[in-house]
């Protein structure tokens, strides 16, 4: 929970990828809070209120996965909403005539997006989800000790650079919203 909160405040893309990893970790422990308390939470090396907060956070995520029927696969709605919010910003930036650098990095990434989208059968809801899925897929392949082709590595590097740029824009937008309405968050 501490890591998630920090990532959400500093790098929204890392936050999304981290949350996807946490969802998979919870599934690996069969949505069993006792197993998570025994095997995962001790790695945080925390106690007191932080410990209780972290246990409650995992327990809430387990409940969300159950309620939203995402026990075997998929992402909780809160994370889907965050991906969609990033996509909203992405589309706005593409329309903004002042965002030349953004359009440039996007256009350099677009061929990779198109290729990955075709390989996945166009099952993903938007280009941002496509980039995130590619990065997460490479992460999973590496965890499994599988080789990643040069072409895939190049595409993922392009996705990472593109999403890092978008993440910076997202945090600029969030900061501006907080300054405009400090009570909104």
N, C-alpha and C. Protein backbone atom coordinates (compact mmCIF):
# COMPACT_ATOMS: atom_id res chain seq x y z
N UNK A 1 0.81 -1.18 0.00
CA UNK A 1 0.00 0.00 0.00
C UNK A 1 0.87 1.26 0.00
N UNK A 2 1.93 1.22 0.77
CA UNK A 2 2.83 2.36 0.85
C UNK A 2 3.47 2.60 -0.51
N UNK A 3 3.91 1.53 -1.15
CA UNK A 3 4.52 1.62 -2.48
C UNK A 3 3.49 2.14 -3.48
N UNK A 4 2.28 1.62 -3.43
CA UNK A 4 1.23 2.05 -4.36
C UNK A 4 0.94 3.53 -4.20
N UNK A 5 0.82 3.98 -2.97
CA UNK A 5 0.53 5.40 -2.73
C UNK A 5 1.64 6.29 -3.27
N UNK A 6 2.89 5.88 -3.02
CA UNK A 6 4.03 6.66 -3.50
C UNK A 6 4.05 6.71 -5.03
N UNK A 7 3.83 5.55 -5.66
CA UNK A 7 3.85 5.49 -7.12
C UNK A 7 2.71 6.31 -7.72
N UNK A 8 1.55 6.26 -7.08
CA UNK A 8 0.40 7.01 -7.59
C UNK A 8 0.69 8.51 -7.59
N UNK A 9 1.43 8.96 -6.61
CA UNK A 9 1.75 10.38 -6.50
C UNK A 9 2.90 10.81 -7.40
N UNK A 10 3.78 9.86 -7.76
CA UNK A 10 4.98 10.25 -8.51
C UNK A 10 5.01 9.79 -9.96
N UNK A 11 4.41 8.61 -10.24
CA UNK A 11 4.46 8.09 -11.61
C UNK A 11 3.25 7.19 -11.83
N UNK A 12 2.23 7.73 -12.45
CA UNK A 12 0.96 7.04 -12.60
C UNK A 12 1.09 5.75 -13.41
N UNK A 13 1.99 5.72 -14.37
CA UNK A 13 2.20 4.52 -15.17
C UNK A 13 2.80 3.41 -14.30
N UNK A 14 3.81 3.74 -13.50
CA UNK A 14 4.37 2.75 -12.59
C UNK A 14 3.32 2.27 -11.60
N UNK A 15 2.44 3.17 -11.17
CA UNK A 15 1.36 2.80 -10.25
C UNK A 15 0.45 1.75 -10.90
N UNK A 16 0.04 1.99 -12.12
CA UNK A 16 -0.85 1.04 -12.81
C UNK A 16 -0.17 -0.32 -12.95
N UNK A 17 1.07 -0.32 -13.41
CA UNK A 17 1.80 -1.58 -13.58
C UNK A 17 1.99 -2.29 -12.24
N UNK A 18 2.26 -1.52 -11.20
CA UNK A 18 2.41 -2.10 -9.86
C UNK A 18 1.09 -2.73 -9.41
N UNK A 19 -0.01 -2.04 -9.64
CA UNK A 19 -1.31 -2.57 -9.23
C UNK A 19 -1.66 -3.83 -10.01
N UNK A 20 -1.30 -3.89 -11.28
CA UNK A 20 -1.52 -5.12 -12.06
C UNK A 20 -0.73 -6.27 -11.43
N UNK A 21 0.49 -5.96 -11.00
CA UNK A 21 1.32 -6.97 -10.36
C UNK A 21 0.69 -7.42 -9.03
N UNK A 22 0.19 -6.48 -8.26
CA UNK A 22 -0.45 -6.81 -6.99
C UNK A 22 -1.69 -7.68 -7.22
N UNK A 23 -2.48 -7.34 -8.23
CA UNK A 23 -3.65 -8.17 -8.55
C UNK A 23 -3.22 -9.61 -8.84
N UNK A 24 -2.18 -9.77 -9.64
CA UNK A 24 -1.69 -11.11 -9.97
C UNK A 24 -1.11 -11.82 -8.74
N UNK A 25 -0.45 -11.07 -7.89
CA UNK A 25 0.09 -11.63 -6.66
C UNK A 25 -1.03 -12.14 -5.75
N UNK A 26 -2.06 -11.35 -5.62
CA UNK A 26 -3.23 -11.77 -4.82
C UNK A 26 -3.84 -13.04 -5.40
N UNK A 27 -3.94 -13.09 -6.71
CA UNK A 27 -4.47 -14.30 -7.36
C UNK A 27 -3.56 -15.50 -7.12
N UNK A 28 -2.26 -15.28 -7.14
CA UNK A 28 -1.31 -16.37 -6.90
C UNK A 28 -1.51 -16.96 -5.50
N UNK A 29 -1.94 -16.14 -4.58
CA UNK A 29 -2.23 -16.60 -3.22
C UNK A 29 -3.72 -16.92 -3.04
N UNK A 30 -4.40 -17.10 -4.17
CA UNK A 30 -5.79 -17.54 -4.21
C UNK A 30 -6.73 -16.67 -3.38
N UNK A 31 -6.47 -15.35 -3.37
CA UNK A 31 -7.28 -14.37 -2.67
C UNK A 31 -7.41 -14.68 -1.19
N UNK A 32 -6.38 -15.28 -0.63
CA UNK A 32 -6.37 -15.71 0.77
C UNK A 32 -5.58 -14.70 1.59
N UNK A 33 -6.27 -13.88 2.38
CA UNK A 33 -5.61 -12.83 3.15
C UNK A 33 -4.64 -13.42 4.17
N UNK A 34 -4.95 -14.60 4.72
CA UNK A 34 -4.04 -15.22 5.70
C UNK A 34 -2.71 -15.58 5.04
N UNK A 35 -2.75 -16.12 3.84
CA UNK A 35 -1.52 -16.46 3.11
C UNK A 35 -0.73 -15.19 2.77
N UNK A 36 -1.43 -14.14 2.42
CA UNK A 36 -0.77 -12.86 2.10
C UNK A 36 -0.15 -12.27 3.37
N UNK A 37 -0.87 -12.35 4.48
CA UNK A 37 -0.33 -11.87 5.76
C UNK A 37 0.92 -12.64 6.16
N UNK A 38 0.95 -13.91 5.82
CA UNK A 38 2.07 -14.77 6.20
C UNK A 38 3.27 -14.61 5.26
N UNK A 39 3.00 -14.45 3.96
CA UNK A 39 4.08 -14.50 2.97
C UNK A 39 4.47 -13.18 2.34
N UNK A 40 3.56 -12.26 2.23
CA UNK A 40 3.83 -11.00 1.53
C UNK A 40 4.09 -9.85 2.49
N UNK A 41 3.18 -9.65 3.40
CA UNK A 41 3.24 -8.47 4.27
C UNK A 41 4.51 -8.40 5.11
N UNK A 42 5.04 -9.53 5.61
CA UNK A 42 6.30 -9.42 6.39
C UNK A 42 7.45 -8.80 5.60
N UNK A 43 7.41 -8.91 4.27
CA UNK A 43 8.48 -8.33 3.44
C UNK A 43 8.51 -6.79 3.52
N UNK A 44 7.39 -6.20 3.91
CA UNK A 44 7.33 -4.74 4.04
C UNK A 44 8.08 -4.25 5.27
N UNK A 45 8.28 -5.13 6.25
CA UNK A 45 8.98 -4.77 7.47
C UNK A 45 8.36 -3.54 8.14
N UNK A 46 7.06 -3.62 8.40
CA UNK A 46 6.32 -2.53 9.03
C UNK A 46 5.56 -3.06 10.24
N UNK A 47 5.10 -2.15 11.08
CA UNK A 47 4.33 -2.55 12.26
C UNK A 47 3.30 -1.47 12.58
N UNK A 48 2.51 -1.73 13.61
CA UNK A 48 1.55 -0.76 14.09
C UNK A 48 0.49 -0.39 13.08
N UNK A 49 0.22 0.90 13.00
CA UNK A 49 -0.83 1.41 12.11
C UNK A 49 -0.53 1.10 10.64
N UNK A 50 0.74 1.21 10.26
CA UNK A 50 1.12 0.91 8.87
C UNK A 50 0.81 -0.54 8.52
N UNK A 51 1.10 -1.43 9.44
CA UNK A 51 0.83 -2.84 9.23
C UNK A 51 -0.67 -3.08 9.07
N UNK A 52 -1.45 -2.52 9.98
CA UNK A 52 -2.91 -2.68 9.92
C UNK A 52 -3.49 -2.09 8.64
N UNK A 53 -2.97 -0.93 8.25
CA UNK A 53 -3.42 -0.28 7.02
C UNK A 53 -3.12 -1.15 5.79
N UNK A 54 -1.94 -1.74 5.78
CA UNK A 54 -1.53 -2.57 4.65
C UNK A 54 -2.38 -3.84 4.57
N UNK A 55 -2.64 -4.47 5.70
CA UNK A 55 -3.49 -5.66 5.72
C UNK A 55 -4.88 -5.29 5.23
N UNK A 56 -5.41 -4.18 5.70
CA UNK A 56 -6.74 -3.73 5.28
C UNK A 56 -6.76 -3.43 3.78
N UNK A 57 -5.68 -2.84 3.26
CA UNK A 57 -5.58 -2.53 1.84
C UNK A 57 -5.65 -3.80 1.01
N UNK A 58 -4.86 -4.80 1.37
CA UNK A 58 -4.89 -6.09 0.66
C UNK A 58 -6.27 -6.73 0.77
N UNK A 59 -6.84 -6.68 1.95
CA UNK A 59 -8.17 -7.27 2.17
C UNK A 59 -9.22 -6.57 1.29
N UNK A 60 -9.12 -5.24 1.18
CA UNK A 60 -10.05 -4.49 0.32
C UNK A 60 -9.86 -4.86 -1.15
N UNK A 61 -8.61 -5.03 -1.58
CA UNK A 61 -8.35 -5.43 -2.96
C UNK A 61 -8.93 -6.82 -3.24
N UNK A 62 -8.77 -7.72 -2.29
CA UNK A 62 -9.35 -9.06 -2.43
C UNK A 62 -10.86 -8.95 -2.61
N UNK A 63 -11.48 -8.14 -1.78
CA UNK A 63 -12.94 -7.98 -1.87
C UNK A 63 -13.35 -7.38 -3.21
N UNK A 64 -12.60 -6.39 -3.68
CA UNK A 64 -12.91 -5.79 -4.99
C UNK A 64 -12.80 -6.82 -6.11
N UNK A 65 -11.76 -7.64 -6.07
CA UNK A 65 -11.59 -8.67 -7.09
C UNK A 65 -12.76 -9.65 -7.07
N UNK A 66 -13.23 -9.97 -5.89
CA UNK A 66 -14.37 -10.88 -5.77
C UNK A 66 -15.66 -10.22 -6.27
N UNK A 67 -15.94 -9.03 -5.77
CA UNK A 67 -17.18 -8.33 -6.13
C UNK A 67 -17.24 -8.05 -7.63
N UNK A 68 -16.11 -7.67 -8.20
CA UNK A 68 -16.06 -7.33 -9.62
C UNK A 68 -15.85 -8.57 -10.50
N UNK A 69 -15.82 -9.73 -9.87
CA UNK A 69 -15.65 -11.01 -10.58
C UNK A 69 -14.38 -11.02 -11.43
N UNK A 70 -13.30 -10.59 -10.82
CA UNK A 70 -11.98 -10.56 -11.48
C UNK A 70 -11.04 -11.54 -10.77
N UNK A 71 -11.60 -12.63 -10.29
CA UNK A 71 -10.85 -13.60 -9.50
C UNK A 71 -9.75 -14.26 -10.31
N UNK A 72 -10.00 -14.55 -11.57
CA UNK A 72 -9.01 -15.25 -12.39
C UNK A 72 -8.21 -14.33 -13.30
N UNK A 73 -8.82 -13.26 -13.77
CA UNK A 73 -8.12 -12.32 -14.66
C UNK A 73 -8.86 -11.00 -14.70
N UNK A 74 -8.21 -10.02 -15.30
CA UNK A 74 -8.80 -8.70 -15.42
C UNK A 74 -8.32 -7.76 -14.32
N UNK A 75 -8.75 -6.52 -14.42
CA UNK A 75 -8.30 -5.49 -13.49
C UNK A 75 -9.50 -4.86 -12.80
N UNK A 76 -9.28 -4.45 -11.55
CA UNK A 76 -10.36 -3.81 -10.82
C UNK A 76 -10.73 -2.49 -11.48
N UNK A 77 -11.97 -2.08 -11.29
CA UNK A 77 -12.50 -0.90 -11.97
C UNK A 77 -11.72 0.36 -11.67
N UNK A 78 -11.23 0.50 -10.45
CA UNK A 78 -10.47 1.70 -10.10
C UNK A 78 -9.22 1.84 -10.98
N UNK A 79 -8.57 0.73 -11.30
CA UNK A 79 -7.38 0.78 -12.14
C UNK A 79 -7.78 1.00 -13.60
N UNK A 80 -8.86 0.37 -14.02
CA UNK A 80 -9.37 0.60 -15.38
C UNK A 80 -9.69 2.08 -15.56
N UNK A 81 -10.30 2.69 -14.54
CA UNK A 81 -10.63 4.12 -14.60
C UNK A 81 -9.37 4.96 -14.73
N UNK A 82 -8.31 4.57 -14.05
CA UNK A 82 -7.05 5.32 -14.13
C UNK A 82 -6.46 5.21 -15.53
N UNK A 83 -6.50 4.01 -16.11
CA UNK A 83 -6.02 3.82 -17.49
C UNK A 83 -6.86 4.67 -18.44
N UNK A 84 -8.16 4.67 -18.25
CA UNK A 84 -9.05 5.47 -19.11
C UNK A 84 -8.79 6.96 -18.94
N UNK A 85 -8.46 7.39 -17.73
CA UNK A 85 -8.15 8.80 -17.50
C UNK A 85 -6.86 9.17 -18.22
N UNK A 86 -5.88 8.28 -18.20
CA UNK A 86 -4.65 8.52 -18.96
C UNK A 86 -4.95 8.60 -20.45
N UNK A 87 -5.83 7.74 -20.92
CA UNK A 87 -6.21 7.76 -22.33
C UNK A 87 -6.93 9.06 -22.68
N UNK A 88 -7.79 9.53 -21.79
CA UNK A 88 -8.48 10.81 -22.01
C UNK A 88 -7.46 11.92 -22.20
N UNK A 89 -6.47 11.97 -21.31
CA UNK A 89 -5.43 13.00 -21.41
C UNK A 89 -4.64 12.82 -22.71
N UNK A 90 -4.31 11.60 -23.05
CA UNK A 90 -3.60 11.30 -24.29
C UNK A 90 -4.34 11.89 -25.49
N UNK A 91 -5.64 11.65 -25.57
CA UNK A 91 -6.44 12.17 -26.69
C UNK A 91 -6.50 13.69 -26.69
N UNK A 92 -6.58 14.28 -25.51
CA UNK A 92 -6.58 15.75 -25.42
C UNK A 92 -5.25 16.33 -25.89
N UNK A 93 -4.16 15.69 -25.49
CA UNK A 93 -2.84 16.17 -25.90
C UNK A 93 -2.63 16.07 -27.40
N UNK A 94 -3.17 15.02 -28.01
CA UNK A 94 -3.06 14.88 -29.47
C UNK A 94 -3.79 16.00 -30.20
N UNK A 95 -4.86 16.50 -29.62
CA UNK A 95 -5.64 17.58 -30.24
C UNK A 95 -5.04 18.96 -29.99
N UNK A 96 -4.20 19.08 -28.97
CA UNK A 96 -3.64 20.37 -28.57
C UNK A 96 -2.51 20.76 -29.54
N UNK A 97 -2.71 21.83 -30.27
CA UNK A 97 -1.72 22.25 -31.28
C UNK A 97 -0.38 22.67 -30.66
N UNK A 98 -0.37 22.96 -29.37
CA UNK A 98 0.88 23.34 -28.70
C UNK A 98 1.72 22.14 -28.28
N UNK A 99 1.14 20.96 -28.33
CA UNK A 99 1.82 19.74 -27.86
C UNK A 99 2.59 19.05 -28.99
N UNK A 100 3.50 19.77 -29.59
CA UNK A 100 4.29 19.24 -30.70
C UNK A 100 5.18 18.09 -30.24
N UNK A 101 5.86 18.25 -29.11
CA UNK A 101 6.76 17.20 -28.61
C UNK A 101 5.95 15.93 -28.28
N UNK A 102 4.77 16.10 -27.73
CA UNK A 102 3.95 14.94 -27.40
C UNK A 102 3.55 14.19 -28.68
N UNK A 103 3.09 14.93 -29.68
CA UNK A 103 2.70 14.29 -30.94
C UNK A 103 3.90 13.61 -31.60
N UNK A 104 5.06 14.20 -31.46
CA UNK A 104 6.27 13.63 -32.05
C UNK A 104 6.59 12.27 -31.42
N UNK A 105 6.60 12.21 -30.09
CA UNK A 105 6.92 10.94 -29.42
C UNK A 105 5.80 9.91 -29.67
N UNK A 106 4.57 10.37 -29.74
CA UNK A 106 3.45 9.46 -30.05
C UNK A 106 3.60 8.89 -31.46
N UNK A 107 3.88 9.75 -32.43
CA UNK A 107 4.02 9.28 -33.83
C UNK A 107 5.17 8.30 -33.98
N UNK A 108 6.23 8.48 -33.19
CA UNK A 108 7.35 7.54 -33.24
C UNK A 108 6.95 6.18 -32.64
N UNK A 109 6.00 6.19 -31.74
CA UNK A 109 5.56 4.97 -31.04
C UNK A 109 4.41 4.29 -31.77
N UNK A 110 3.67 5.04 -32.56
CA UNK A 110 2.45 4.52 -33.20
C UNK A 110 2.64 3.23 -34.00
N UNK A 111 3.71 3.08 -34.79
CA UNK A 111 3.86 1.80 -35.51
C UNK A 111 3.96 0.59 -34.57
N UNK A 112 4.62 0.77 -33.45
CA UNK A 112 4.72 -0.31 -32.46
C UNK A 112 3.36 -0.61 -31.84
N UNK A 113 2.60 0.45 -31.56
CA UNK A 113 1.25 0.29 -31.00
C UNK A 113 0.38 -0.50 -31.97
N UNK A 114 0.42 -0.10 -33.22
CA UNK A 114 -0.39 -0.76 -34.25
C UNK A 114 -0.02 -2.23 -34.36
N UNK A 115 1.27 -2.51 -34.38
CA UNK A 115 1.73 -3.90 -34.50
C UNK A 115 1.31 -4.73 -33.29
N UNK A 116 1.48 -4.19 -32.08
CA UNK A 116 1.11 -4.95 -30.88
C UNK A 116 -0.40 -5.15 -30.82
N UNK A 117 -1.14 -4.13 -31.21
CA UNK A 117 -2.60 -4.22 -31.22
C UNK A 117 -3.07 -5.33 -32.16
N UNK A 118 -2.43 -5.42 -33.31
CA UNK A 118 -2.78 -6.48 -34.26
C UNK A 118 -2.42 -7.86 -33.71
N UNK A 119 -1.29 -7.96 -33.02
CA UNK A 119 -0.87 -9.25 -32.45
C UNK A 119 -1.82 -9.71 -31.34
N UNK A 120 -2.42 -8.77 -30.63
CA UNK A 120 -3.33 -9.13 -29.54
C UNK A 120 -4.76 -9.31 -30.04
N UNK A 121 -4.97 -9.10 -31.32
CA UNK A 121 -6.31 -9.28 -31.88
C UNK A 121 -7.24 -8.13 -31.59
N UNK A 122 -6.67 -6.95 -31.35
CA UNK A 122 -7.44 -5.73 -31.10
C UNK A 122 -8.45 -5.91 -29.97
N UNK A 123 -8.02 -6.59 -28.92
CA UNK A 123 -8.87 -6.85 -27.76
C UNK A 123 -8.79 -5.75 -26.71
N UNK A 124 -7.80 -4.89 -26.83
CA UNK A 124 -7.57 -3.88 -25.81
C UNK A 124 -8.39 -2.63 -26.12
N UNK A 125 -8.79 -1.93 -25.07
CA UNK A 125 -9.76 -0.85 -25.24
C UNK A 125 -9.18 0.44 -25.82
N UNK A 126 -7.88 0.68 -25.63
CA UNK A 126 -7.30 1.92 -26.16
C UNK A 126 -5.78 1.78 -26.27
N UNK A 127 -5.15 2.77 -26.86
CA UNK A 127 -3.71 2.71 -27.12
C UNK A 127 -2.89 2.71 -25.83
N UNK A 128 -3.38 3.37 -24.81
CA UNK A 128 -2.65 3.41 -23.56
C UNK A 128 -2.65 2.03 -22.91
N UNK A 129 -3.81 1.38 -22.92
CA UNK A 129 -3.88 0.01 -22.40
C UNK A 129 -2.97 -0.91 -23.21
N UNK A 130 -2.89 -0.69 -24.49
CA UNK A 130 -2.04 -1.49 -25.37
C UNK A 130 -0.57 -1.35 -24.94
N UNK A 131 -0.11 -0.14 -24.73
CA UNK A 131 1.28 0.09 -24.32
C UNK A 131 1.56 -0.53 -22.94
N UNK A 132 0.64 -0.32 -22.02
CA UNK A 132 0.80 -0.87 -20.67
C UNK A 132 0.84 -2.40 -20.71
N UNK A 133 -0.03 -2.99 -21.50
CA UNK A 133 -0.08 -4.45 -21.61
C UNK A 133 1.21 -5.01 -22.18
N UNK A 134 1.76 -4.33 -23.16
CA UNK A 134 3.03 -4.77 -23.75
C UNK A 134 4.15 -4.74 -22.71
N UNK A 135 4.22 -3.67 -21.96
CA UNK A 135 5.26 -3.54 -20.93
C UNK A 135 5.07 -4.62 -19.87
N UNK A 136 3.84 -4.81 -19.43
CA UNK A 136 3.56 -5.81 -18.40
C UNK A 136 3.84 -7.22 -18.92
N UNK A 137 3.52 -7.46 -20.17
CA UNK A 137 3.78 -8.78 -20.76
C UNK A 137 5.27 -9.08 -20.79
N UNK A 138 6.09 -8.08 -21.14
CA UNK A 138 7.53 -8.28 -21.14
C UNK A 138 8.02 -8.59 -19.72
N UNK A 139 7.47 -7.88 -18.74
CA UNK A 139 7.82 -8.12 -17.34
C UNK A 139 7.52 -9.58 -16.96
N UNK A 140 6.34 -10.07 -17.35
CA UNK A 140 5.95 -11.45 -17.04
C UNK A 140 6.86 -12.46 -17.75
N UNK A 141 7.21 -12.17 -18.99
CA UNK A 141 8.11 -13.07 -19.73
C UNK A 141 9.47 -13.16 -19.04
N UNK A 142 9.98 -12.03 -18.59
CA UNK A 142 11.27 -12.02 -17.90
C UNK A 142 11.19 -12.79 -16.59
N UNK A 143 10.07 -12.64 -15.86
CA UNK A 143 9.88 -13.40 -14.62
C UNK A 143 9.90 -14.90 -14.87
N UNK A 144 9.38 -15.31 -16.02
CA UNK A 144 9.32 -16.72 -16.39
C UNK A 144 10.64 -17.21 -17.00
N UNK A 145 11.61 -16.30 -17.12
CA UNK A 145 12.90 -16.66 -17.68
C UNK A 145 12.88 -16.85 -19.18
N UNK A 146 11.88 -16.30 -19.84
CA UNK A 146 11.77 -16.44 -21.28
C UNK A 146 12.48 -15.30 -21.99
N UNK A 147 12.95 -15.59 -23.17
CA UNK A 147 13.65 -14.60 -23.99
C UNK A 147 12.66 -13.60 -24.58
N UNK A 148 13.12 -12.38 -24.70
CA UNK A 148 12.35 -11.32 -25.35
C UNK A 148 13.11 -10.93 -26.61
N UNK A 149 12.42 -10.97 -27.74
CA UNK A 149 13.09 -10.66 -29.00
C UNK A 149 13.56 -9.21 -29.02
N UNK A 150 14.51 -8.94 -29.91
CA UNK A 150 15.03 -7.59 -30.06
C UNK A 150 13.92 -6.62 -30.46
N UNK A 151 13.06 -7.07 -31.37
CA UNK A 151 11.95 -6.23 -31.82
C UNK A 151 10.99 -5.90 -30.69
N UNK A 152 10.70 -6.89 -29.87
CA UNK A 152 9.81 -6.66 -28.73
C UNK A 152 10.46 -5.70 -27.73
N UNK A 153 11.73 -5.91 -27.47
CA UNK A 153 12.46 -5.03 -26.55
C UNK A 153 12.45 -3.59 -27.06
N UNK A 154 12.63 -3.42 -28.36
CA UNK A 154 12.61 -2.08 -28.96
C UNK A 154 11.23 -1.44 -28.82
N UNK A 155 10.19 -2.23 -29.08
CA UNK A 155 8.82 -1.72 -28.96
C UNK A 155 8.52 -1.32 -27.52
N UNK A 156 8.91 -2.16 -26.57
CA UNK A 156 8.64 -1.88 -25.16
C UNK A 156 9.40 -0.64 -24.71
N UNK A 157 10.61 -0.47 -25.20
CA UNK A 157 11.37 0.75 -24.87
C UNK A 157 10.63 1.98 -25.40
N UNK A 158 10.10 1.89 -26.60
CA UNK A 158 9.34 2.99 -27.18
C UNK A 158 8.08 3.27 -26.36
N UNK A 159 7.38 2.21 -25.97
CA UNK A 159 6.17 2.36 -25.14
C UNK A 159 6.53 3.02 -23.80
N UNK A 160 7.64 2.58 -23.22
CA UNK A 160 8.06 3.12 -21.93
C UNK A 160 8.37 4.61 -22.01
N UNK A 161 9.09 5.00 -23.06
CA UNK A 161 9.41 6.43 -23.24
C UNK A 161 8.15 7.26 -23.45
N UNK A 162 7.26 6.74 -24.29
CA UNK A 162 6.00 7.42 -24.57
C UNK A 162 5.17 7.57 -23.29
N UNK A 163 5.02 6.47 -22.54
CA UNK A 163 4.21 6.52 -21.32
C UNK A 163 4.86 7.37 -20.23
N UNK A 164 6.19 7.42 -20.19
CA UNK A 164 6.87 8.28 -19.23
C UNK A 164 6.55 9.75 -19.52
N UNK A 165 6.53 10.10 -20.79
CA UNK A 165 6.18 11.46 -21.18
C UNK A 165 4.74 11.76 -20.80
N UNK A 166 3.84 10.84 -21.10
CA UNK A 166 2.43 11.01 -20.75
C UNK A 166 2.24 11.08 -19.24
N UNK A 167 2.97 10.27 -18.51
CA UNK A 167 2.88 10.29 -17.05
C UNK A 167 3.26 11.66 -16.49
N UNK A 168 4.30 12.25 -17.06
CA UNK A 168 4.70 13.59 -16.64
C UNK A 168 3.59 14.61 -16.89
N UNK A 169 2.96 14.50 -18.05
CA UNK A 169 1.84 15.39 -18.38
C UNK A 169 0.67 15.17 -17.41
N UNK A 170 0.42 13.91 -17.06
CA UNK A 170 -0.66 13.57 -16.13
C UNK A 170 -0.40 14.22 -14.77
N UNK A 171 0.82 14.11 -14.29
CA UNK A 171 1.13 14.68 -12.99
C UNK A 171 1.12 16.21 -13.01
N UNK A 172 1.49 16.79 -14.13
CA UNK A 172 1.35 18.25 -14.28
C UNK A 172 -0.12 18.64 -14.18
N UNK A 173 -0.98 17.87 -14.84
CA UNK A 173 -2.41 18.13 -14.80
C UNK A 173 -2.96 17.97 -13.38
N UNK A 174 -2.54 16.91 -12.68
CA UNK A 174 -3.00 16.68 -11.31
C UNK A 174 -2.55 17.81 -10.39
N UNK A 175 -1.31 18.25 -10.56
CA UNK A 175 -0.77 19.34 -9.75
C UNK A 175 -1.56 20.63 -10.00
N UNK A 176 -1.86 20.92 -11.25
CA UNK A 176 -2.63 22.11 -11.60
C UNK A 176 -4.04 22.05 -10.99
N UNK A 177 -4.64 20.87 -11.01
CA UNK A 177 -5.98 20.71 -10.42
C UNK A 177 -5.94 20.94 -8.92
N UNK A 178 -4.89 20.44 -8.24
CA UNK A 178 -4.77 20.64 -6.79
C UNK A 178 -4.56 22.11 -6.46
N UNK A 179 -3.77 22.80 -7.29
CA UNK A 179 -3.54 24.22 -7.05
C UNK A 179 -4.80 25.02 -7.29
N UNK A 180 -5.58 24.61 -8.27
CA UNK A 180 -6.84 25.30 -8.58
C UNK A 180 -7.87 25.06 -7.49
N UNK A 181 -7.97 23.82 -7.03
CA UNK A 181 -8.95 23.46 -6.01
C UNK A 181 -8.30 22.52 -4.99
N UNK A 182 -7.61 23.09 -3.98
CA UNK A 182 -6.88 22.26 -3.02
C UNK A 182 -7.76 21.28 -2.24
N UNK A 183 -9.04 21.54 -2.13
CA UNK A 183 -9.93 20.66 -1.38
C UNK A 183 -10.48 19.52 -2.24
N UNK A 184 -10.19 19.54 -3.53
CA UNK A 184 -10.71 18.51 -4.45
C UNK A 184 -10.08 17.15 -4.17
N UNK A 185 -8.89 17.11 -3.58
CA UNK A 185 -8.22 15.82 -3.33
C UNK A 185 -7.99 15.60 -1.90
